[in-house]
Amino acid sequence: MEEAIDEMDSKLEPLNHFIIPGGTPPAVALHVNRSICRRAEREVIRLSHDEPVNPNIIKYLNRLSDLLFVMARFMNKQLGLPDIKWEA
């Protein structure tokens, strides 16, 4: 996963701001899956307060969600859609 993240990320503009998740249909699907992965990570952390949990599961879910985020940005770039900056 780390190699895939690094490879795709090296071809993307550095992030200096938050971006709005979305874009092309494939990227949107990746963003949705990333949010599901983040939810699973939070649930495992919540579970770890009451039950023993292998800490590698939390690390894996965290890196998986990062991979999905980079994949979504990369997919948008491949299909010609730039990141949309979030402005408060």
PDB file of N, CA and C in Angstrom:
ATOM      1  N   MET A   1       0.823  -1.193   0.000  1.00  0.00           N
ATOM      2  CA  MET A   1       0.000   0.000   0.000  1.00  0.00           C
ATOM      3  C   MET A   1       0.864   1.252   0.000  1.00  0.00           C
ATOM      4  N   GLU A   2       1.910   1.230   0.833  1.00  0.00           N
ATOM      5  CA  GLU A   2       2.765   2.413   0.929  1.00  0.00           C
ATOM      6  C   GLU A   2       3.385   2.752  -0.423  1.00  0.00           C
ATOM      7  N   GLU A   3       3.826   1.736  -1.139  1.00  0.00           N
ATOM      8  CA  GLU A   3       4.439   1.978  -2.449  1.00  0.00           C
ATOM      9  C   GLU A   3       3.425   2.564  -3.427  1.00  0.00           C
ATOM     10  N   ALA A   4       2.213   2.048  -3.406  1.00  0.00           N
ATOM     11  CA  ALA A   4       1.172   2.557  -4.301  1.00  0.00           C
ATOM     12  C   ALA A   4       0.830   4.002  -3.957  1.00  0.00           C
ATOM     13  N   ILE A   5       0.723   4.296  -2.660  1.00  0.00           N
ATOM     14  CA  ILE A   5       0.439   5.669  -2.228  1.00  0.00           C
ATOM     15  C   ILE A   5       1.550   6.596  -2.706  1.00  0.00           C
ATOM     16  N   ASP A   6       2.797   6.199  -2.451  1.00  0.00           N
ATOM     17  CA  ASP A   6       3.935   7.044  -2.829  1.00  0.00           C
ATOM     18  C   ASP A   6       4.008   7.242  -4.337  1.00  0.00           C
ATOM     19  N   GLU A   7       3.775   6.189  -5.102  1.00  0.00           N
ATOM     20  CA  GLU A   7       3.852   6.266  -6.566  1.00  0.00           C
ATOM     21  C   GLU A   7       2.817   7.245  -7.119  1.00  0.00           C
ATOM     22  N   MET A   8       1.564   7.094  -6.699  1.00  0.00           N
ATOM     23  CA  MET A   8       0.515   7.985  -7.202  1.00  0.00           C
ATOM     24  C   MET A   8       0.693   9.402  -6.676  1.00  0.00           C
ATOM     25  N   ASP A   9       1.028   9.512  -5.391  1.00  0.00           N
ATOM     26  CA  ASP A   9       1.172  10.826  -4.775  1.00  0.00           C
ATOM     27  C   ASP A   9       2.293  11.635  -5.439  1.00  0.00           C
ATOM     28  N   SER A  10       3.323  10.957  -5.916  1.00  0.00           N
ATOM     29  CA  SER A  10       4.434  11.658  -6.558  1.00  0.00           C
ATOM     30  C   SER A  10       4.014  12.315  -7.870  1.00  0.00           C
ATOM     31  N   LYS A  11       2.879  11.887  -8.413  1.00  0.00           N
ATOM     32  CA  LYS A  11       2.389  12.441  -9.678  1.00  0.00           C
ATOM     33  C   LYS A  11       1.283  13.479  -9.470  1.00  0.00           C
ATOM     34  N   LEU A  12       1.005  13.791  -8.200  1.00  0.00           N
ATOM     35  CA  LEU A  12      -0.043  14.751  -7.865  1.00  0.00           C
ATOM     36  C   LEU A  12       0.560  16.030  -7.311  1.00  0.00           C
ATOM     37  N   GLU A  13      -0.196  17.109  -7.442  1.00  0.00           N
ATOM     38  CA  GLU A  13       0.218  18.368  -6.825  1.00  0.00           C
ATOM     39  C   GLU A  13       0.172  18.205  -5.306  1.00  0.00           C
ATOM     40  N   PRO A  14       1.141  18.801  -4.594  1.00  0.00           N
ATOM     41  CA  PRO A  14       1.087  18.730  -3.128  1.00  0.00           C
ATOM     42  C   PRO A  14      -0.180  19.420  -2.613  1.00  0.00           C
ATOM     43  N   LEU A  15      -0.710  18.885  -1.529  1.00  0.00           N
ATOM     44  CA  LEU A  15      -1.909  19.480  -0.931  1.00  0.00           C
ATOM     45  C   LEU A  15      -1.493  20.531   0.086  1.00  0.00           C
ATOM     46  N   ASN A  16      -1.958  21.743  -0.128  1.00  0.00           N
ATOM     47  CA  ASN A  16      -1.727  22.838   0.818  1.00  0.00           C
ATOM     48  C   ASN A  16      -3.046  23.319   1.407  1.00  0.00           C
ATOM     49  N   HIS A  17      -4.112  22.586   1.135  1.00  0.00           N
ATOM     50  CA  HIS A  17      -5.453  22.975   1.558  1.00  0.00           C
ATOM     51  C   HIS A  17      -6.340  21.732   1.548  1.00  0.00           C
ATOM     52  N   PHE A  18      -7.477  21.832   2.167  1.00  0.00           N
ATOM     53  CA  PHE A  18      -8.444  20.746   2.095  1.00  0.00           C
ATOM     54  C   PHE A  18      -9.090  20.766   0.714  1.00  0.00           C
ATOM     55  N   ILE A  19      -9.492  19.594   0.259  1.00  0.00           N
ATOM     56  CA  ILE A  19     -10.209  19.529  -1.014  1.00  0.00           C
ATOM     57  C   ILE A  19     -11.594  18.948  -0.776  1.00  0.00           C
ATOM     58  N   ILE A  20     -12.494  19.283  -1.684  1.00  0.00           N
ATOM     59  CA  ILE A  20     -13.853  18.743  -1.627  1.00  0.00           C
ATOM     60  C   ILE A  20     -13.834  17.380  -2.296  1.00  0.00           C
ATOM     61  N   PRO A  21     -14.259  16.333  -1.580  1.00  0.00           N
ATOM     62  CA  PRO A  21     -14.286  15.014  -2.203  1.00  0.00           C
ATOM     63  C   PRO A  21     -15.326  14.987  -3.319  1.00  0.00           C
ATOM     64  N   GLY A  22     -14.982  14.376  -4.396  1.00  0.00           N
ATOM     65  CA  GLY A  22     -15.912  14.281  -5.514  1.00  0.00           C
ATOM     66  C   GLY A  22     -15.169  14.171  -6.811  1.00  0.00           C
ATOM     67  N   GLY A  23     -15.822  14.592  -7.872  1.00  0.00           N
ATOM     68  CA  GLY A  23     -15.190  14.568  -9.182  1.00  0.00           C
ATOM     69  C   GLY A  23     -15.838  13.571 -10.104  1.00  0.00           C
ATOM     70  N   THR A  24     -15.009  12.798 -10.757  1.00  0.00           N
ATOM     71  CA  THR A  24     -15.486  11.815 -11.725  1.00  0.00           C
ATOM     72  C   THR A  24     -16.169  10.660 -10.992  1.00  0.00           C
ATOM     73  N   PRO A  25     -17.055   9.935 -11.670  1.00  0.00           N
ATOM     74  CA  PRO A  25     -17.730   8.810 -10.993  1.00  0.00           C
ATOM     75  C   PRO A  25     -16.771   7.810 -10.325  1.00  0.00           C
ATOM     76  N   PRO A  26     -15.666   7.416 -10.971  1.00  0.00           N
ATOM     77  CA  PRO A  26     -14.762   6.494 -10.273  1.00  0.00           C
ATOM     78  C   PRO A  26     -14.151   7.118  -9.016  1.00  0.00           C
ATOM     79  N   ALA A  27     -13.811   8.396  -9.079  1.00  0.00           N
ATOM     80  CA  ALA A  27     -13.228   9.067  -7.912  1.00  0.00           C
ATOM     81  C   ALA A  27     -14.260   9.205  -6.799  1.00  0.00           C
ATOM     82  N   VAL A  28     -15.490   9.495  -7.163  1.00  0.00           N
ATOM     83  CA  VAL A  28     -16.554   9.590  -6.159  1.00  0.00           C
ATOM     84  C   VAL A  28     -16.705   8.253  -5.435  1.00  0.00           C
ATOM     85  N   ALA A  29     -16.684   7.163  -6.183  1.00  0.00           N
ATOM     86  CA  ALA A  29     -16.791   5.830  -5.566  1.00  0.00           C
ATOM     87  C   ALA A  29     -15.626   5.589  -4.609  1.00  0.00           C
ATOM     88  N   LEU A  30     -14.437   6.010  -4.987  1.00  0.00           N
ATOM     89  CA  LEU A  30     -13.275   5.857  -4.100  1.00  0.00           C
ATOM     90  C   LEU A  30     -13.434   6.709  -2.842  1.00  0.00           C
ATOM     91  N   HIS A  31     -13.946   7.928  -2.985  1.00  0.00           N
ATOM     92  CA  HIS A  31     -14.170   8.785  -1.805  1.00  0.00           C
ATOM     93  C   HIS A  31     -15.224   8.176  -0.879  1.00  0.00           C
ATOM     94  N   VAL A  32     -16.274   7.599  -1.441  1.00  0.00           N
ATOM     95  CA  VAL A  32     -17.306   6.951  -0.610  1.00  0.00           C
ATOM     96  C   VAL A  32     -16.689   5.797   0.159  1.00  0.00           C
ATOM     97  N   ASN A  33     -15.900   4.988  -0.542  1.00  0.00           N
ATOM     98  CA  ASN A  33     -15.261   3.856   0.129  1.00  0.00           C
ATOM     99  C   ASN A  33     -14.265   4.312   1.183  1.00  0.00           C
ATOM    100  N   ARG A  34     -13.603   5.422   0.935  1.00  0.00           N
ATOM    101  CA  ARG A  34     -12.693   5.979   1.941  1.00  0.00           C
ATOM    102  C   ARG A  34     -13.457   6.360   3.199  1.00  0.00           C
ATOM    103  N   SER A  35     -14.618   6.974   3.031  1.00  0.00           N
ATOM    104  CA  SER A  35     -15.392   7.364   4.215  1.00  0.00           C
ATOM    105  C   SER A  35     -15.884   6.135   4.981  1.00  0.00           C
ATOM    106  N   ILE A  36     -16.226   5.079   4.275  1.00  0.00           N
ATOM    107  CA  ILE A  36     -16.634   3.825   4.933  1.00  0.00           C
ATOM    108  C   ILE A  36     -15.452   3.238   5.697  1.00  0.00           C
ATOM    109  N   CYS A  37     -14.280   3.287   5.086  1.00  0.00           N
ATOM    110  CA  CYS A  37     -13.071   2.784   5.736  1.00  0.00           C
ATOM    111  C   CYS A  37     -12.762   3.592   7.001  1.00  0.00           C
ATOM    112  N   ARG A  38     -12.896   4.906   6.931  1.00  0.00           N
ATOM    113  CA  ARG A  38     -12.674   5.754   8.113  1.00  0.00           C
ATOM    114  C   ARG A  38     -13.678   5.412   9.219  1.00  0.00           C
ATOM    115  N   ARG A  39     -14.915   5.167   8.827  1.00  0.00           N
ATOM    116  CA  ARG A  39     -15.925   4.789   9.822  1.00  0.00           C
ATOM    117  C   ARG A  39     -15.546   3.470  10.492  1.00  0.00           C
ATOM    118  N   ALA A  40     -15.080   2.515   9.697  1.00  0.00           N
ATOM    119  CA  ALA A  40     -14.641   1.230  10.263  1.00  0.00           C
ATOM    120  C   ALA A  40     -13.466   1.447  11.228  1.00  0.00           C
ATOM    121  N   GLU A  41     -12.553   2.319  10.855  1.00  0.00           N
ATOM    122  CA  GLU A  41     -11.414   2.620  11.727  1.00  0.00           C
ATOM    123  C   GLU A  41     -11.901   3.180  13.065  1.00  0.00           C
ATOM    124  N   ARG A  42     -12.842   4.111  13.020  1.00  0.00           N
ATOM    125  CA  ARG A  42     -13.374   4.684  14.264  1.00  0.00           C
ATOM    126  C   ARG A  42     -14.076   3.618  15.109  1.00  0.00           C
ATOM    127  N   GLU A  43     -14.789   2.719  14.456  1.00  0.00           N
ATOM    128  CA  GLU A  43     -15.480   1.655  15.197  1.00  0.00           C
ATOM    129  C   GLU A  43     -14.495   0.694  15.849  1.00  0.00           C
ATOM    130  N   VAL A  44     -13.416   0.367  15.155  1.00  0.00           N
ATOM    131  CA  VAL A  44     -12.401  -0.513  15.734  1.00  0.00           C
ATOM    132  C   VAL A  44     -11.729   0.176  16.918  1.00  0.00           C
ATOM    133  N   ILE A  45     -11.459   1.458  16.791  1.00  0.00           N
ATOM    134  CA  ILE A  45     -10.879   2.203  17.916  1.00  0.00           C
ATOM    135  C   ILE A  45     -11.841   2.195  19.097  1.00  0.00           C
ATOM    136  N   ARG A  46     -13.117   2.418  18.820  1.00  0.00           N
ATOM    137  CA  ARG A  46     -14.126   2.379  19.887  1.00  0.00           C
ATOM    138  C   ARG A  46     -14.153   0.998  20.536  1.00  0.00           C
ATOM    139  N   LEU A  47     -14.110  -0.049  19.724  1.00  0.00           N
ATOM    140  CA  LEU A  47     -14.090  -1.412  20.239  1.00  0.00           C
ATOM    141  C   LEU A  47     -12.861  -1.651  21.106  1.00  0.00           C
ATOM    142  N   SER A  48     -11.731  -1.064  20.718  1.00  0.00           N
ATOM    143  CA  SER A  48     -10.477  -1.290  21.456  1.00  0.00           C
ATOM    144  C   SER A  48     -10.522  -0.752  22.882  1.00  0.00           C
ATOM    145  N   HIS A  49     -11.485   0.106  23.173  1.00  0.00           N
ATOM    146  CA  HIS A  49     -11.634   0.598  24.549  1.00  0.00           C
ATOM    147  C   HIS A  49     -12.213  -0.470  25.465  1.00  0.00           C
ATOM    148  N   ASP A  50     -12.903  -1.459  24.884  1.00  0.00           N
ATOM    149  CA  ASP A  50     -13.546  -2.506  25.681  1.00  0.00           C
ATOM    150  C   ASP A  50     -12.983  -3.903  25.446  1.00  0.00           C
ATOM    151  N   GLU A  51     -12.397  -4.124  24.283  1.00  0.00           N
ATOM    152  CA  GLU A  51     -11.900  -5.445  23.916  1.00  0.00           C
ATOM    153  C   GLU A  51     -10.481  -5.331  23.376  1.00  0.00           C
ATOM    154  N   PRO A  52      -9.689  -6.394  23.527  1.00  0.00           N
ATOM    155  CA  PRO A  52      -8.352  -6.354  22.924  1.00  0.00           C
ATOM    156  C   PRO A  52      -8.464  -6.352  21.386  1.00  0.00           C
ATOM    157  N   VAL A  53      -7.741  -5.460  20.764  1.00  0.00           N
ATOM    158  CA  VAL A  53      -7.745  -5.333  19.308  1.00  0.00           C
ATOM    159  C   VAL A  53      -6.294  -5.291  18.837  1.00  0.00           C
ATOM    160  N   ASN A  54      -6.012  -6.032  17.804  1.00  0.00           N
ATOM    161  CA  ASN A  54      -4.682  -5.994  17.209  1.00  0.00           C
ATOM    162  C   ASN A  54      -4.451  -4.586  16.658  1.00  0.00           C
ATOM    163  N   PRO A  55      -3.440  -3.870  17.158  1.00  0.00           N
ATOM    164  CA  PRO A  55      -3.223  -2.493  16.693  1.00  0.00           C
ATOM    165  C   PRO A  55      -2.912  -2.396  15.204  1.00  0.00           C
ATOM    166  N   ASN A  56      -2.460  -3.487  14.609  1.00  0.00           N
ATOM    167  CA  ASN A  56      -2.189  -3.473  13.173  1.00  0.00           C
ATOM    168  C   ASN A  56      -3.466  -3.294  12.352  1.00  0.00           C
ATOM    169  N   ILE A  57      -4.598  -3.693  12.910  1.00  0.00           N
ATOM    170  CA  ILE A  57      -5.873  -3.503  12.207  1.00  0.00           C
ATOM    171  C   ILE A  57      -6.156  -2.012  12.053  1.00  0.00           C
ATOM    172  N   ILE A  58      -5.929  -1.257  13.108  1.00  0.00           N
ATOM    173  CA  ILE A  58      -6.162   0.189  13.064  1.00  0.00           C
ATOM    174  C   ILE A  58      -5.197   0.839  12.075  1.00  0.00           C
ATOM    175  N   LYS A  59      -3.929   0.450  12.133  1.00  0.00           N
ATOM    176  CA  LYS A  59      -2.946   0.995  11.193  1.00  0.00           C
ATOM    177  C   LYS A  59      -3.320   0.671   9.750  1.00  0.00           C
ATOM    178  N   TYR A  60      -3.757  -0.567   9.516  1.00  0.00           N
ATOM    179  CA  TYR A  60      -4.131  -0.987   8.170  1.00  0.00           C
ATOM    180  C   TYR A  60      -5.305  -0.159   7.645  1.00  0.00           C
ATOM    181  N   LEU A  61      -6.337  -0.012   8.456  1.00  0.00           N
ATOM    182  CA  LEU A  61      -7.497   0.771   8.024  1.00  0.00           C
ATOM    183  C   LEU A  61      -7.125   2.221   7.745  1.00  0.00           C
ATOM    184  N   ASN A  62      -6.225   2.762   8.551  1.00  0.00           N
ATOM    185  CA  ASN A  62      -5.783   4.141   8.343  1.00  0.00           C
ATOM    186  C   ASN A  62      -5.053   4.279   7.013  1.00  0.00           C
ATOM    187  N   ARG A  63      -4.139   3.369   6.736  1.00  0.00           N
ATOM    188  CA  ARG A  63      -3.386   3.432   5.486  1.00  0.00           C
ATOM    189  C   ARG A  63      -4.277   3.137   4.296  1.00  0.00           C
ATOM    190  N   LEU A  64      -5.242   2.223   4.455  1.00  0.00           N
ATOM    191  CA  LEU A  64      -6.172   1.923   3.370  1.00  0.00           C
ATOM    192  C   LEU A  64      -6.988   3.154   3.009  1.00  0.00           C
ATOM    193  N   SER A  65      -7.451   3.882   4.018  1.00  0.00           N
ATOM    194  CA  SER A  65      -8.220   5.088   3.718  1.00  0.00           C
ATOM    195  C   SER A  65      -7.339   6.135   3.038  1.00  0.00           C
ATOM    196  N   ASP A  66      -6.075   6.218   3.429  1.00  0.00           N
ATOM    197  CA  ASP A  66      -5.158   7.132   2.737  1.00  0.00           C
ATOM    198  C   ASP A  66      -4.960   6.710   1.284  1.00  0.00           C
ATOM    199  N   LEU A  67      -4.822   5.407   1.053  1.00  0.00           N
ATOM    200  CA  LEU A  67      -4.680   4.906  -0.316  1.00  0.00           C
ATOM    201  C   LEU A  67      -5.905   5.261  -1.155  1.00  0.00           C
ATOM    202  N   LEU A  68      -7.086   5.072  -0.614  1.00  0.00           N
ATOM    203  CA  LEU A  68      -8.308   5.390  -1.347  1.00  0.00           C
ATOM    204  C   LEU A  68      -8.390   6.878  -1.672  1.00  0.00           C
ATOM    205  N   PHE A  69      -7.943   7.725  -0.747  1.00  0.00           N
ATOM    206  CA  PHE A  69      -7.941   9.164  -0.981  1.00  0.00           C
ATOM    207  C   PHE A  69      -7.000   9.529  -2.129  1.00  0.00           C
ATOM    208  N   VAL A  70      -5.786   8.987  -2.075  1.00  0.00           N
ATOM    209  CA  VAL A  70      -4.816   9.269  -3.140  1.00  0.00           C
ATOM    210  C   VAL A  70      -5.305   8.704  -4.473  1.00  0.00           C
ATOM    211  N   MET A  71      -5.892   7.530  -4.439  1.00  0.00           N
ATOM    212  CA  MET A  71      -6.427   6.943  -5.669  1.00  0.00           C
ATOM    213  C   MET A  71      -7.518   7.827  -6.269  1.00  0.00           C
ATOM    214  N   ALA A  72      -8.374   8.391  -5.432  1.00  0.00           N
ATOM    215  CA  ALA A  72      -9.436   9.274  -5.925  1.00  0.00           C
ATOM    216  C   ALA A  72      -8.841  10.512  -6.579  1.00  0.00           C
ATOM    217  N   ARG A  73      -7.867  11.134  -5.930  1.00  0.00           N
ATOM    218  CA  ARG A  73      -7.208  12.303  -6.522  1.00  0.00           C
ATOM    219  C   ARG A  73      -6.515  11.931  -7.825  1.00  0.00           C
ATOM    220  N   PHE A  74      -5.846  10.790  -7.835  1.00  0.00           N
ATOM    221  CA  PHE A  74      -5.123  10.340  -9.024  1.00  0.00           C
ATOM    222  C   PHE A  74      -6.090  10.064 -10.169  1.00  0.00           C
ATOM    223  N   MET A  75      -7.223   9.427  -9.855  1.00  0.00           N
ATOM    224  CA  MET A  75      -8.235   9.125 -10.879  1.00  0.00           C
ATOM    225  C   MET A  75      -8.755  10.414 -11.502  1.00  0.00           C
ATOM    226  N   ASN A  76      -9.069  11.398 -10.662  1.00  0.00           N
ATOM    227  CA  ASN A  76      -9.536  12.679 -11.192  1.00  0.00           C
ATOM    228  C   ASN A  76      -8.486  13.311 -12.096  1.00  0.00           C
ATOM    229  N   LYS A  77      -7.241  13.270 -11.662  1.00  0.00           N
ATOM    230  CA  LYS A  77      -6.177  13.864 -12.480  1.00  0.00           C
ATOM    231  C   LYS A  77      -6.069  13.131 -13.816  1.00  0.00           C
ATOM    232  N   GLN A  78      -6.119  11.802 -13.778  1.00  0.00           N
ATOM    233  CA  GLN A  78      -6.019  11.012 -15.008  1.00  0.00           C
ATOM    234  C   GLN A  78      -7.150  11.351 -15.974  1.00  0.00           C
ATOM    235  N   LEU A  79      -8.310  11.708 -15.420  1.00  0.00           N
ATOM    236  CA  LEU A  79      -9.468  12.014 -16.257  1.00  0.00           C
ATOM    237  C   LEU A  79      -9.626  13.521 -16.482  1.00  0.00           C
ATOM    238  N   GLY A  80      -8.598  14.291 -16.121  1.00  0.00           N
ATOM    239  CA  GLY A  80      -8.561  15.714 -16.446  1.00  0.00           C
ATOM    240  C   GLY A  80      -9.318  16.647 -15.525  1.00  0.00           C
ATOM    241  N   LEU A  81      -9.656  16.192 -14.327  1.00  0.00           N
ATOM    242  CA  LEU A  81     -10.398  17.036 -13.395  1.00  0.00           C
ATOM    243  C   LEU A  81      -9.492  17.436 -12.229  1.00  0.00           C
ATOM    244  N   PRO A  82      -9.301  18.727 -12.009  1.00  0.00           N
ATOM    245  CA  PRO A  82      -8.422  19.154 -10.905  1.00  0.00           C
ATOM    246  C   PRO A  82      -9.128  19.017  -9.556  1.00  0.00           C
ATOM    247  N   ASP A  83      -8.306  19.042  -8.494  1.00  0.00           N
ATOM    248  CA  ASP A  83      -8.857  19.076  -7.132  1.00  0.00           C
ATOM    249  C   ASP A  83      -9.658  20.361  -6.974  1.00  0.00           C
ATOM    250  N   ILE A  84     -10.728  20.294  -6.205  1.00  0.00           N
ATOM    251  CA  ILE A  84     -11.532  21.490  -5.914  1.00  0.00           C
ATOM    252  C   ILE A  84     -11.216  21.901  -4.483  1.00  0.00           C
ATOM    253  N   LYS A  85     -10.641  23.076  -4.349  1.00  0.00           N
ATOM    254  CA  LYS A  85     -10.228  23.593  -3.049  1.00  0.00           C
ATOM    255  C   LYS A  85     -11.445  23.908  -2.191  1.00  0.00           C
ATOM    256  N   TRP A  86     -11.395  23.475  -0.922  1.00  0.00           N
ATOM    257  CA  TRP A  86     -12.456  23.811   0.036  1.00  0.00           C
ATOM    258  C   TRP A  86     -12.109  25.150   0.655  1.00  0.00           C
ATOM    259  N   GLU A  87     -13.075  26.055   0.621  1.00  0.00           N
ATOM    260  CA  GLU A  87     -12.860  27.372   1.208  1.00  0.00           C
ATOM    261  C   GLU A  87     -13.922  27.602   2.275  1.00  0.00           C
ATOM    262  N   ALA A  88     -13.457  27.950   3.458  1.00  0.00           N
ATOM    263  CA  ALA A  88     -14.386  28.171   4.581  1.00  0.00           C
ATOM    264  C   ALA A  88     -15.023  29.533   4.472  1.00  0.00           C
TER     265      ALA A  88
END
